[in-house]
Every structure is written in C-alpha cells, then in structure tokens.
Protein backbone atom coordinates (compact mmCIF):
# COMPACT_ATOMS: atom_id res chain seq x y z
CA MET A 1 204.04 64.13 44.81
CA ILE A 2 205.91 62.76 41.81
CA PHE A 3 202.90 60.68 40.77
CA PHE A 4 200.82 63.79 40.09
CA ASN A 5 203.33 64.98 37.51
CA LYS A 6 202.94 61.87 35.31
CA GLU A 7 200.48 60.94 32.62
CA GLU A 8 199.80 57.53 31.11
CA VAL A 9 200.49 57.58 27.37
CA TYR A 10 200.16 53.87 26.62
CA VAL A 11 198.05 51.09 28.12
CA GLY A 12 198.05 47.72 26.39
CA TYR A 13 198.38 43.97 26.66
CA SER A 14 201.35 43.30 24.38
CA MET A 15 204.87 43.12 25.80
CA GLU A 16 206.29 43.57 22.29
CA GLU A 17 204.21 46.68 21.66
CA CYS A 18 205.15 48.10 25.06
CA SER A 19 208.82 47.56 24.23
CA LYS A 20 208.32 49.33 20.90
CA VAL A 21 206.67 52.28 22.68
CA ARG A 22 209.60 52.53 25.09
CA ARG A 23 212.08 52.44 22.17
CA ILE A 24 210.15 55.19 20.38
CA LEU A 25 210.21 57.41 23.46
CA LYS A 26 213.88 56.71 24.09
CA SER A 27 214.74 57.65 20.49
CA LYS A 28 212.98 61.00 21.05
CA ASN A 29 214.77 61.56 24.40
CA ILE A 30 211.53 61.35 26.40
CA LYS A 31 212.04 59.66 29.75
CA CYS A 32 209.33 57.20 30.69
CA THR A 33 208.41 54.75 33.41
CA TYR A 34 206.41 51.60 32.98
CA LYS A 35 204.62 49.06 35.09
CA VAL A 36 203.20 45.61 34.51
CA ILE A 37 199.92 44.72 36.15
CA ASP A 38 199.15 41.00 36.48
CA LEU A 39 195.37 40.88 36.29
CA SER A 40 195.24 37.22 37.35
CA ASP A 41 196.78 38.05 40.72
CA ARG A 42 193.91 40.27 41.86
CA TRP A 43 192.62 39.48 45.33
CA LEU A 44 189.08 38.17 45.48
CA GLY A 45 187.69 37.03 48.82
CA GLN A 46 190.01 34.44 50.40
CA GLY A 47 192.71 34.59 47.71
CA THR A 48 193.63 35.60 44.20
CA THR A 49 191.42 35.08 41.19
CA ARG A 50 193.74 32.41 39.83
CA GLY A 51 194.04 30.78 43.27
CA ASN A 52 190.27 30.58 43.70
CA PHE A 53 189.24 29.55 40.20
CA GLY A 54 192.42 28.32 38.49
CA SER A 55 193.38 29.57 35.05
CA PHE A 56 190.64 27.76 33.13
CA GLY A 57 188.91 30.17 30.78
CA MET A 58 191.50 32.92 31.19
CA ASN A 59 192.80 34.43 27.98
CA LYS A 60 196.59 34.45 28.37
CA ASN A 61 196.83 37.37 25.92
CA TYR A 62 195.03 39.62 28.41
CA GLU A 63 196.58 38.41 31.64
CA LYS A 64 199.15 41.22 31.92
CA GLN A 65 198.56 44.90 31.32
CA TYR A 66 201.44 47.23 30.41
CA VAL A 67 201.30 50.94 31.30
CA VAL A 68 203.82 53.56 30.13
CA SER A 69 203.87 57.01 31.75
CA VAL A 70 205.78 60.21 31.02
CA LYS A 71 206.00 63.65 32.62
CA LYS A 72 202.89 65.71 31.90
CA LYS A 73 204.90 68.30 29.98
CA ASP A 74 206.05 65.56 27.56
CA ALA A 75 202.71 63.75 27.26
CA GLU A 76 201.39 65.46 24.12
CA ASN A 77 204.58 64.86 22.14
CA ALA A 78 204.87 61.31 23.48
CA LYS A 79 201.34 60.45 22.35
CA TYR A 80 202.08 61.83 18.89
CA TYR A 81 205.31 59.87 18.52
CA ILE A 82 203.70 56.67 19.84
CA HIS A 83 200.73 56.97 17.48
CA SER A 84 203.02 57.68 14.53
CA GLY A 85 205.39 54.84 15.43
CA LEU A 86 202.76 52.18 16.06
CA SER A 87 200.67 52.97 13.02
CA SER A 88 203.57 52.69 10.57
C-alpha cells in the first residue's frame, strides 16, 4: 500500500547527480527514498545479460539507473526544487 503513495521525481544515470538531488530534498525537509537498478544484471534466457554476452559494448555510464521517489503530496515541490537545484 505504501508504494501507491509515492511518485518518482528523478530518474537518471549519474550517482553524483542522484546524491545532489537527495541533498536538495533533505535541505528542503522532503523525505525521499531511492533505488539503484543495475541494468546489466537483467535476466535474459539462461542467465543475465552480462553473463550471456559479457560486458563488451556496454556503456558503463548507463549501466546503473538511479530513481528517487517522494510522497505524492510532496512531489510537485520536490520537482521544482530539483529542477532549480540542478539547473543552477
């Protein structure tokens, strides 16, 4: 039930940018959760993508995806603060 009350306010591929987003939200007293999705560990057939094909040709900059979520009631303000903070 708690998952339905959250909204993603940031999705990106930079750990540094994700950390900056979390600092921005913390400074505005907006609680957030985050998750890291390793796109190279996706299952494909008998094993993972990396296990089946190796890492040749994979762009390391896009291997991990970072997602930050906040409560729906805070989402509009969070998006504003994130946009303002990242564009400056």
